[in-house]
């Protein structure tokens, strides 16, 4: 049951090193605390080896790149790889600019990534540009829908197999796949798209789940996606008249803080393919 992975996070209190974007860094830290983990933020190349060495996992987010932060990503990622720590890549905006795309592709090529989490467009960009997926189907769309679900599940599994990483494609329907299995997740609310950073928060939380569950990482990654989506549902149900996206943002973090294994097991809406 997915609830076991949640309990493991709360028992382990995993320390996660985040090189994330400055738009959402505070919320990433608060979500990590809410889910039972502990955050450290550092992108400075002269600092990251010491920081990642005392952590259990590394979350890399390319949402606001600088030359120094890019250098820090590779230095920290190399060290995390040497230590066998889980590494999550969030390729924010891959495909939107040459710098973002080339940075994400190089990180994917040079670091032993445990998971890659992004929207369909970002993941598709990496698959097309990786040099390993030359025959990506033209049918791979820019959204996962019930109509193209079989194609997208196959795409996620194929890309996971070729990258040797868990692939998490998030959107209205979420897919979390390794080379053999794919969780199809239908938790969440459309209103979550009105809040900046729910994806960034999820990547940080997913890293904590991967650290705390080394023997069942696919399930752990899927559980983190379910937690975020379910928190969005719980938070939306508690919204009061006159409240907007700022209140919703806080209520999502509160829902993550208060979630327990029983709530997750009852509310997680997924199938395994």
C-alpha atoms as a PDB file:
ATOM      1  CA  UNK A   1       0.000   0.000   0.000  1.00  0.00           C
ATOM      2  CA  UNK A   2       1.206   3.504  -0.799  1.00  0.00           C
ATOM      3  CA  UNK A   3       0.678   4.576   2.804  1.00  0.00           C
ATOM      4  CA  UNK A   4       3.719   2.549   3.835  1.00  0.00           C
ATOM      5  CA  UNK A   5       5.953   4.858   1.813  1.00  0.00           C
ATOM      6  CA  UNK A   6       4.456   7.906   3.562  1.00  0.00           C
ATOM      7  CA  UNK A   7       5.147   6.392   6.974  1.00  0.00           C
ATOM      8  CA  UNK A   8       8.709   5.616   5.903  1.00  0.00           C
ATOM      9  CA  UNK A   9       9.290   9.303   5.102  1.00  0.00           C
ATOM     10  CA  UNK A  10       7.978  10.427   8.478  1.00  0.00           C
ATOM     11  CA  UNK A  11      10.098   7.831  10.263  1.00  0.00           C
ATOM     12  CA  UNK A  12      13.250   8.526   8.229  1.00  0.00           C
ATOM     13  CA  UNK A  13      13.055  12.356   8.122  1.00  0.00           C
ATOM     14  CA  UNK A  14      15.191  12.434   4.960  1.00  0.00           C
ATOM     15  CA  UNK A  15      17.485  15.415   4.477  1.00  0.00           C
ATOM     16  CA  UNK A  16      17.167  16.655   0.882  1.00  0.00           C
ATOM     17  CA  UNK A  17      19.564  18.967  -0.929  1.00  0.00           C
ATOM     18  CA  UNK A  18      17.663  21.228  -3.317  1.00  0.00           C
ATOM     19  CA  UNK A  19      19.095  23.219  -6.189  1.00  0.00           C
ATOM     20  CA  UNK A  20      15.790  24.731  -7.155  1.00  0.00           C
ATOM     21  CA  UNK A  21      14.465  27.912  -8.676  1.00  0.00           C
ATOM     22  CA  UNK A  22      14.182  31.142  -6.732  1.00  0.00           C
ATOM     23  CA  UNK A  23      10.480  31.562  -7.578  1.00  0.00           C
ATOM     24  CA  UNK A  24       9.423  28.551  -5.488  1.00  0.00           C
ATOM     25  CA  UNK A  25      12.299  27.818  -3.126  1.00  0.00           C
ATOM     26  CA  UNK A  26      10.360  28.698   0.038  1.00  0.00           C
ATOM     27  CA  UNK A  27       7.402  26.521  -0.880  1.00  0.00           C
ATOM     28  CA  UNK A  28       9.679  23.602  -1.759  1.00  0.00           C
ATOM     29  CA  UNK A  29      11.247  23.874   1.696  1.00  0.00           C
ATOM     30  CA  UNK A  30       7.866  24.046   3.418  1.00  0.00           C
ATOM     31  CA  UNK A  31       6.442  21.072   1.520  1.00  0.00           C
ATOM     32  CA  UNK A  32       9.486  19.006   2.438  1.00  0.00           C
ATOM     33  CA  UNK A  33       8.924  19.883   6.082  1.00  0.00           C
ATOM     34  CA  UNK A  34       5.201  19.163   5.748  1.00  0.00           C
ATOM     35  CA  UNK A  35       5.727  15.688   4.283  1.00  0.00           C
ATOM     36  CA  UNK A  36       8.177  14.724   7.024  1.00  0.00           C
ATOM     37  CA  UNK A  37      11.489  15.543   5.403  1.00  0.00           C
ATOM     38  CA  UNK A  38      14.054  18.256   5.950  1.00  0.00           C
ATOM     39  CA  UNK A  39      15.365  20.705   3.310  1.00  0.00           C
ATOM     40  CA  UNK A  40      18.719  22.297   2.580  1.00  0.00           C
ATOM     41  CA  UNK A  41      19.089  24.768  -0.269  1.00  0.00           C
ATOM     42  CA  UNK A  42      22.424  25.515  -1.942  1.00  0.00           C
ATOM     43  CA  UNK A  43      23.498  26.104  -5.545  1.00  0.00           C
ATOM     44  CA  UNK A  44      26.962  27.586  -4.958  1.00  0.00           C
ATOM     45  CA  UNK A  45      29.611  25.301  -6.514  1.00  0.00           C
ATOM     46  CA  UNK A  46      32.027  25.866  -3.624  1.00  0.00           C
ATOM     47  CA  UNK A  47      29.329  24.797  -1.142  1.00  0.00           C
ATOM     48  CA  UNK A  48      27.412  21.948  -2.748  1.00  0.00           C
ATOM     49  CA  UNK A  49      29.837  19.060  -2.196  1.00  0.00           C
ATOM     50  CA  UNK A  50      29.754  19.533   1.572  1.00  0.00           C
ATOM     51  CA  UNK A  51      25.992  20.055   1.578  1.00  0.00           C
ATOM     52  CA  UNK A  52      25.032  17.095  -0.594  1.00  0.00           C
ATOM     53  CA  UNK A  53      27.433  14.873   1.362  1.00  0.00           C
ATOM     54  CA  UNK A  54      25.375  15.268   4.541  1.00  0.00           C
ATOM     55  CA  UNK A  55      22.050  14.763   2.751  1.00  0.00           C
ATOM     56  CA  UNK A  56      20.285  11.658   1.530  1.00  0.00           C
ATOM     57  CA  UNK A  57      19.107  12.876  -1.857  1.00  0.00           C
ATOM     58  CA  UNK A  58      19.427  15.666  -4.428  1.00  0.00           C
ATOM     59  CA  UNK A  59      16.625  17.580  -6.166  1.00  0.00           C
ATOM     60  CA  UNK A  60      17.735  19.529  -9.259  1.00  0.00           C
ATOM     61  CA  UNK A  61      15.323  22.065 -10.778  1.00  0.00           C
ATOM     62  CA  UNK A  62      16.338  24.150 -13.826  1.00  0.00           C
ATOM     63  CA  UNK A  63      13.581  26.758 -13.547  1.00  0.00           C
ATOM     64  CA  UNK A  64      15.854  29.786 -13.018  1.00  0.00           C
ATOM     65  CA  UNK A  65      19.280  28.942 -14.382  1.00  0.00           C
ATOM     66  CA  UNK A  66      22.504  30.869 -13.910  1.00  0.00           C
ATOM     67  CA  UNK A  67      25.984  29.832 -14.977  1.00  0.00           C
ATOM     68  CA  UNK A  68      26.956  29.355 -11.319  1.00  0.00           C
ATOM     69  CA  UNK A  69      23.878  27.297 -10.497  1.00  0.00           C
ATOM     70  CA  UNK A  70      24.450  25.086 -13.554  1.00  0.00           C
ATOM     71  CA  UNK A  71      27.997  24.436 -12.377  1.00  0.00           C
ATOM     72  CA  UNK A  72      26.625  23.671  -8.915  1.00  0.00           C
ATOM     73  CA  UNK A  73      24.173  21.153 -10.367  1.00  0.00           C
ATOM     74  CA  UNK A  74      26.932  19.144 -12.018  1.00  0.00           C
ATOM     75  CA  UNK A  75      29.250  19.309  -9.007  1.00  0.00           C
ATOM     76  CA  UNK A  76      26.506  18.281  -6.587  1.00  0.00           C
ATOM     77  CA  UNK A  77      25.135  15.651  -8.955  1.00  0.00           C
ATOM     78  CA  UNK A  78      28.530  14.052  -9.413  1.00  0.00           C
ATOM     79  CA  UNK A  79      29.013  13.858  -5.649  1.00  0.00           C
ATOM     80  CA  UNK A  80      25.504  12.514  -5.073  1.00  0.00           C
ATOM     81  CA  UNK A  81      26.169   9.864  -7.699  1.00  0.00           C
ATOM     82  CA  UNK A  82      29.402   8.836  -5.994  1.00  0.00           C
ATOM     83  CA  UNK A  83      27.468   8.476  -2.730  1.00  0.00           C
ATOM     84  CA  UNK A  84      24.625   6.529  -4.325  1.00  0.00           C
ATOM     85  CA  UNK A  85      22.031   9.145  -3.405  1.00  0.00           C
ATOM     86  CA  UNK A  86      18.758   9.426  -5.330  1.00  0.00           C
ATOM     87  CA  UNK A  87      18.836  12.308  -7.824  1.00  0.00           C
ATOM     88  CA  UNK A  88      15.640  13.854  -9.201  1.00  0.00           C
ATOM     89  CA  UNK A  89      15.712  16.133 -12.243  1.00  0.00           C
ATOM     90  CA  UNK A  90      12.894  18.630 -12.788  1.00  0.00           C
ATOM     91  CA  UNK A  91      13.492  19.974 -16.332  1.00  0.00           C
ATOM     92  CA  UNK A  92      11.354  23.110 -15.964  1.00  0.00           C
ATOM     93  CA  UNK A  93      10.886  24.790 -19.316  1.00  0.00           C
ATOM     94  CA  UNK A  94      12.951  22.306 -21.307  1.00  0.00           C
ATOM     95  CA  UNK A  95      12.170  23.146 -24.901  1.00  0.00           C
ATOM     96  CA  UNK A  96      11.451  26.798 -24.133  1.00  0.00           C
ATOM     97  CA  UNK A  97      15.054  27.967 -24.535  1.00  0.00           C
ATOM     98  CA  UNK A  98      18.318  26.577 -25.826  1.00  0.00           C
ATOM     99  CA  UNK A  99      19.991  26.940 -22.416  1.00  0.00           C
ATOM    100  CA  UNK A 100      17.293  25.067 -20.527  1.00  0.00           C
ATOM    101  CA  UNK A 101      17.124  22.313 -23.111  1.00  0.00           C
ATOM    102  CA  UNK A 102      20.869  21.783 -23.430  1.00  0.00           C
ATOM    103  CA  UNK A 103      21.342  21.895 -19.648  1.00  0.00           C
ATOM    104  CA  UNK A 104      18.615  19.318 -19.035  1.00  0.00           C
ATOM    105  CA  UNK A 105      19.988  17.014 -21.727  1.00  0.00           C
ATOM    106  CA  UNK A 106      23.526  17.266 -20.383  1.00  0.00           C
ATOM    107  CA  UNK A 107      22.374  16.594 -16.816  1.00  0.00           C
ATOM    108  CA  UNK A 108      20.473  13.564 -18.070  1.00  0.00           C
ATOM    109  CA  UNK A 109      23.532  12.348 -19.956  1.00  0.00           C
ATOM    110  CA  UNK A 110      26.154  12.882 -17.256  1.00  0.00           C
ATOM    111  CA  UNK A 111      24.353  12.210 -13.968  1.00  0.00           C
ATOM    112  CA  UNK A 112      22.936   8.880 -12.718  1.00  0.00           C
ATOM    113  CA  UNK A 113      19.372  10.157 -12.389  1.00  0.00           C
ATOM    114  CA  UNK A 114      16.904   8.222 -10.285  1.00  0.00           C
ATOM    115  CA  UNK A 115      13.822  10.054 -11.550  1.00  0.00           C
ATOM    116  CA  UNK A 116      12.845  12.729 -14.054  1.00  0.00           C
ATOM    117  CA  UNK A 117       9.629  14.612 -13.291  1.00  0.00           C
ATOM    118  CA  UNK A 118       8.028  17.094 -15.671  1.00  0.00           C
ATOM    119  CA  UNK A 119       5.020  17.858 -17.817  1.00  0.00           C
ATOM    120  CA  UNK A 120       4.451  16.131 -21.139  1.00  0.00           C
ATOM    121  CA  UNK A 121       6.155  18.840 -23.196  1.00  0.00           C
ATOM    122  CA  UNK A 122       9.289  18.806 -21.029  1.00  0.00           C
ATOM    123  CA  UNK A 123       9.588  15.025 -21.022  1.00  0.00           C
ATOM    124  CA  UNK A 124       8.901  14.846 -24.756  1.00  0.00           C
ATOM    125  CA  UNK A 125      11.645  17.423 -25.369  1.00  0.00           C
ATOM    126  CA  UNK A 126      14.156  15.287 -23.476  1.00  0.00           C
ATOM    127  CA  UNK A 127      13.079  12.148 -25.308  1.00  0.00           C
ATOM    128  CA  UNK A 128      13.384  13.801 -28.709  1.00  0.00           C
ATOM    129  CA  UNK A 129      16.710  15.401 -27.882  1.00  0.00           C
ATOM    130  CA  UNK A 130      18.369  12.619 -25.975  1.00  0.00           C
ATOM    131  CA  UNK A 131      19.744  10.796 -29.001  1.00  0.00           C
ATOM    132  CA  UNK A 132      18.343   7.549 -27.598  1.00  0.00           C
ATOM    133  CA  UNK A 133      14.737   7.979 -28.675  1.00  0.00           C
ATOM    134  CA  UNK A 134      15.030   8.800 -32.347  1.00  0.00           C
ATOM    135  CA  UNK A 135      11.740   7.164 -33.199  1.00  0.00           C
ATOM    136  CA  UNK A 136       9.443   8.885 -30.721  1.00  0.00           C
ATOM    137  CA  UNK A 137       5.940   8.365 -32.023  1.00  0.00           C
ATOM    138  CA  UNK A 138       4.300  11.298 -33.731  1.00  0.00           C
ATOM    139  CA  UNK A 139       1.304  10.227 -31.663  1.00  0.00           C
ATOM    140  CA  UNK A 140       3.009  11.305 -28.439  1.00  0.00           C
ATOM    141  CA  UNK A 141       0.805  14.272 -27.606  1.00  0.00           C
ATOM    142  CA  UNK A 142       1.172  17.376 -25.463  1.00  0.00           C
ATOM    143  CA  UNK A 143      -1.329  16.086 -22.922  1.00  0.00           C
ATOM    144  CA  UNK A 144      -2.161  12.697 -21.434  1.00  0.00           C
ATOM    145  CA  UNK A 145      -5.823  11.914 -22.045  1.00  0.00           C
ATOM    146  CA  UNK A 146      -8.029   8.857 -21.794  1.00  0.00           C
ATOM    147  CA  UNK A 147      -7.960   8.636 -25.594  1.00  0.00           C
ATOM    148  CA  UNK A 148      -4.153   8.442 -25.923  1.00  0.00           C
ATOM    149  CA  UNK A 149      -3.453   6.744 -22.613  1.00  0.00           C
ATOM    150  CA  UNK A 150      -2.134   3.476 -24.051  1.00  0.00           C
ATOM    151  CA  UNK A 151       0.314   5.338 -26.297  1.00  0.00           C
ATOM    152  CA  UNK A 152       1.515   7.572 -23.488  1.00  0.00           C
ATOM    153  CA  UNK A 153       1.983   4.683 -21.047  1.00  0.00           C
ATOM    154  CA  UNK A 154       4.095   2.910 -23.649  1.00  0.00           C
ATOM    155  CA  UNK A 155       6.093   6.098 -24.250  1.00  0.00           C
ATOM    156  CA  UNK A 156       6.756   6.568 -20.520  1.00  0.00           C
ATOM    157  CA  UNK A 157       7.902   2.968 -20.092  1.00  0.00           C
ATOM    158  CA  UNK A 158      10.118   3.146 -23.154  1.00  0.00           C
ATOM    159  CA  UNK A 159      11.786   6.370 -22.063  1.00  0.00           C
ATOM    160  CA  UNK A 160      12.259   5.010 -18.535  1.00  0.00           C
ATOM    161  CA  UNK A 161      13.954   1.926 -19.945  1.00  0.00           C
ATOM    162  CA  UNK A 162      16.287   3.967 -22.136  1.00  0.00           C
ATOM    163  CA  UNK A 163      17.251   6.414 -19.385  1.00  0.00           C
ATOM    164  CA  UNK A 164      17.289   3.842 -16.559  1.00  0.00           C
ATOM    165  CA  UNK A 165      15.290   6.374 -14.531  1.00  0.00           C
ATOM    166  CA  UNK A 166      11.746   6.593 -13.223  1.00  0.00           C
ATOM    167  CA  UNK A 167       9.757   8.869 -15.528  1.00  0.00           C
ATOM    168  CA  UNK A 168       7.004  10.937 -13.918  1.00  0.00           C
ATOM    169  CA  UNK A 169       4.781  12.835 -16.353  1.00  0.00           C
ATOM    170  CA  UNK A 170       2.406  15.083 -14.456  1.00  0.00           C
ATOM    171  CA  UNK A 171      -0.759  16.744 -15.690  1.00  0.00           C
ATOM    172  CA  UNK A 172      -4.504  16.073 -15.632  1.00  0.00           C
ATOM    173  CA  UNK A 173      -3.597  12.373 -15.678  1.00  0.00           C
ATOM    174  CA  UNK A 174      -0.222  11.512 -14.140  1.00  0.00           C
ATOM    175  CA  UNK A 175       2.056   8.706 -15.271  1.00  0.00           C
ATOM    176  CA  UNK A 176       4.875   7.290 -13.152  1.00  0.00           C
ATOM    177  CA  UNK A 177       6.824   4.569 -14.922  1.00  0.00           C
ATOM    178  CA  UNK A 178       9.877   2.396 -14.947  1.00  0.00           C
ATOM    179  CA  UNK A 179      10.722   0.138 -17.854  1.00  0.00           C
ATOM    180  CA  UNK A 180       8.127  -2.481 -16.913  1.00  0.00           C
ATOM    181  CA  UNK A 181       5.292  -0.859 -14.990  1.00  0.00           C
ATOM    182  CA  UNK A 182       3.375   2.405 -15.020  1.00  0.00           C
ATOM    183  CA  UNK A 183       1.164   3.968 -12.386  1.00  0.00           C
ATOM    184  CA  UNK A 184      -1.733   5.867 -13.967  1.00  0.00           C
ATOM    185  CA  UNK A 185      -2.849   8.424 -11.371  1.00  0.00           C
ATOM    186  CA  UNK A 186      -6.028  10.483 -11.444  1.00  0.00           C
ATOM    187  CA  UNK A 187      -5.709  12.582  -8.296  1.00  0.00           C
ATOM    188  CA  UNK A 188      -5.598  16.384  -8.282  1.00  0.00           C
ATOM    189  CA  UNK A 189      -7.626  19.452  -9.187  1.00  0.00           C
ATOM    190  CA  UNK A 190      -7.407  21.704 -12.275  1.00  0.00           C
ATOM    191  CA  UNK A 191      -7.191  24.703  -9.940  1.00  0.00           C
ATOM    192  CA  UNK A 192      -3.707  23.565  -8.894  1.00  0.00           C
ATOM    193  CA  UNK A 193      -2.432  25.036 -12.169  1.00  0.00           C
ATOM    194  CA  UNK A 194      -3.285  28.500 -10.786  1.00  0.00           C
ATOM    195  CA  UNK A 195      -0.576  28.134  -8.141  1.00  0.00           C
ATOM    196  CA  UNK A 196       3.068  28.663  -9.014  1.00  0.00           C
ATOM    197  CA  UNK A 197       5.288  25.813  -7.974  1.00  0.00           C
ATOM    198  CA  UNK A 198       3.177  22.740  -7.274  1.00  0.00           C
ATOM    199  CA  UNK A 199       5.431  20.810  -9.660  1.00  0.00           C
ATOM    200  CA  UNK A 200       8.572  22.140  -7.990  1.00  0.00           C
ATOM    201  CA  UNK A 201       7.162  21.162  -4.606  1.00  0.00           C
ATOM    202  CA  UNK A 202       6.356  17.683  -5.894  1.00  0.00           C
ATOM    203  CA  UNK A 203       9.912  17.153  -7.140  1.00  0.00           C
ATOM    204  CA  UNK A 204      11.301  18.020  -3.714  1.00  0.00           C
ATOM    205  CA  UNK A 205       8.802  15.734  -1.998  1.00  0.00           C
ATOM    206  CA  UNK A 206       9.454  12.944  -4.491  1.00  0.00           C
ATOM    207  CA  UNK A 207      13.155  13.103  -3.615  1.00  0.00           C
ATOM    208  CA  UNK A 208      12.304  12.634   0.059  1.00  0.00           C
ATOM    209  CA  UNK A 209      10.104   9.638  -0.781  1.00  0.00           C
ATOM    210  CA  UNK A 210      12.861   8.068  -2.861  1.00  0.00           C
ATOM    211  CA  UNK A 211      15.420   8.520  -0.068  1.00  0.00           C
ATOM    212  CA  UNK A 212      13.123   6.947   2.515  1.00  0.00           C
ATOM    213  CA  UNK A 213      12.080   4.001   0.318  1.00  0.00           C
ATOM    214  CA  UNK A 214      15.237   2.665  -1.373  1.00  0.00           C
ATOM    215  CA  UNK A 215      13.783  -0.798  -2.013  1.00  0.00           C
ATOM    216  CA  UNK A 216      10.559   0.278  -3.747  1.00  0.00           C
ATOM    217  CA  UNK A 217      11.351   3.500  -5.557  1.00  0.00           C
ATOM    218  CA  UNK A 218       8.694   3.266  -8.269  1.00  0.00           C
ATOM    219  CA  UNK A 219       5.978   2.921  -5.646  1.00  0.00           C
ATOM    220  CA  UNK A 220       7.545   5.762  -3.648  1.00  0.00           C
ATOM    221  CA  UNK A 221       7.580   8.105  -6.637  1.00  0.00           C
ATOM    222  CA  UNK A 222       3.970   7.238  -7.414  1.00  0.00           C
ATOM    223  CA  UNK A 223       2.995   7.799  -3.787  1.00  0.00           C
ATOM    224  CA  UNK A 224       4.503  11.287  -3.828  1.00  0.00           C
ATOM    225  CA  UNK A 225       2.446  12.142  -6.926  1.00  0.00           C
ATOM    226  CA  UNK A 226      -0.689  10.812  -5.248  1.00  0.00           C
ATOM    227  CA  UNK A 227       0.030  12.788  -2.084  1.00  0.00           C
ATOM    228  CA  UNK A 228       0.319  16.043  -4.024  1.00  0.00           C
ATOM    229  CA  UNK A 229      -2.827  15.419  -6.054  1.00  0.00           C
ATOM    230  CA  UNK A 230      -4.835  14.252  -3.062  1.00  0.00           C
ATOM    231  CA  UNK A 231      -3.670  17.274  -1.062  1.00  0.00           C
ATOM    232  CA  UNK A 232      -5.009  19.453  -3.876  1.00  0.00           C
ATOM    233  CA  UNK A 233      -8.385  17.723  -3.596  1.00  0.00           C
ATOM    234  CA  UNK A 234      -8.527  17.990   0.198  1.00  0.00           C
ATOM    235  CA  UNK A 235      -7.425  21.624   0.139  1.00  0.00           C
ATOM    236  CA  UNK A 236      -9.986  22.585  -2.495  1.00  0.00           C
ATOM    237  CA  UNK A 237     -12.791  20.957  -0.506  1.00  0.00           C
ATOM    238  CA  UNK A 238     -11.929  23.152   2.488  1.00  0.00           C
ATOM    239  CA  UNK A 239     -11.812  26.468   0.590  1.00  0.00           C
ATOM    240  CA  UNK A 240     -14.034  29.214   1.988  1.00  0.00           C
ATOM    241  CA  UNK A 241     -15.969  31.959   0.146  1.00  0.00           C
ATOM    242  CA  UNK A 242     -13.659  34.802  -0.816  1.00  0.00           C
ATOM    243  CA  UNK A 243     -10.497  32.704  -0.752  1.00  0.00           C
ATOM    244  CA  UNK A 244      -8.274  32.468  -3.819  1.00  0.00           C
ATOM    245  CA  UNK A 245      -5.049  30.908  -5.022  1.00  0.00           C
ATOM    246  CA  UNK A 246      -2.965  32.243  -2.110  1.00  0.00           C
ATOM    247  CA  UNK A 247      -5.231  30.504   0.387  1.00  0.00           C
ATOM    248  CA  UNK A 248      -5.308  27.394  -1.775  1.00  0.00           C
ATOM    249  CA  UNK A 249      -1.509  27.249  -1.783  1.00  0.00           C
ATOM    250  CA  UNK A 250      -1.398  27.293   2.019  1.00  0.00           C
ATOM    251  CA  UNK A 251      -4.195  24.756   2.331  1.00  0.00           C
ATOM    252  CA  UNK A 252      -2.311  22.327   0.057  1.00  0.00           C
ATOM    253  CA  UNK A 253       0.761  22.503   2.286  1.00  0.00           C
ATOM    254  CA  UNK A 254      -1.446  22.006   5.361  1.00  0.00           C
ATOM    255  CA  UNK A 255      -3.087  18.974   3.713  1.00  0.00           C
ATOM    256  CA  UNK A 256       0.325  17.427   3.095  1.00  0.00           C
ATOM    257  CA  UNK A 257       1.317  18.132   6.692  1.00  0.00           C
ATOM    258  CA  UNK A 258      -1.820  16.431   8.038  1.00  0.00           C
ATOM    259  CA  UNK A 259      -1.917  13.483   5.642  1.00  0.00           C
ATOM    260  CA  UNK A 260      -1.457  10.022   7.095  1.00  0.00           C
ATOM    261  CA  UNK A 261      -1.173   6.565   5.605  1.00  0.00           C
ATOM    262  CA  UNK A 262      -4.867   5.786   6.005  1.00  0.00           C
ATOM    263  CA  UNK A 263      -5.889   8.986   4.193  1.00  0.00           C
ATOM    264  CA  UNK A 264      -3.472   8.266   1.359  1.00  0.00           C
ATOM    265  CA  UNK A 265      -4.524   4.637   0.982  1.00  0.00           C
ATOM    266  CA  UNK A 266      -8.189   5.626   0.916  1.00  0.00           C
ATOM    267  CA  UNK A 267      -7.850   8.641  -1.374  1.00  0.00           C
ATOM    268  CA  UNK A 268      -5.131   7.588  -3.853  1.00  0.00           C
ATOM    269  CA  UNK A 269      -6.763   7.077  -7.250  1.00  0.00           C
ATOM    270  CA  UNK A 270      -4.486   4.976  -9.453  1.00  0.00           C
ATOM    271  CA  UNK A 271      -4.114   1.854 -11.515  1.00  0.00           C
ATOM    272  CA  UNK A 272      -0.959  -0.085 -12.322  1.00  0.00           C
ATOM    273  CA  UNK A 273      -0.318  -1.015 -15.946  1.00  0.00           C
END
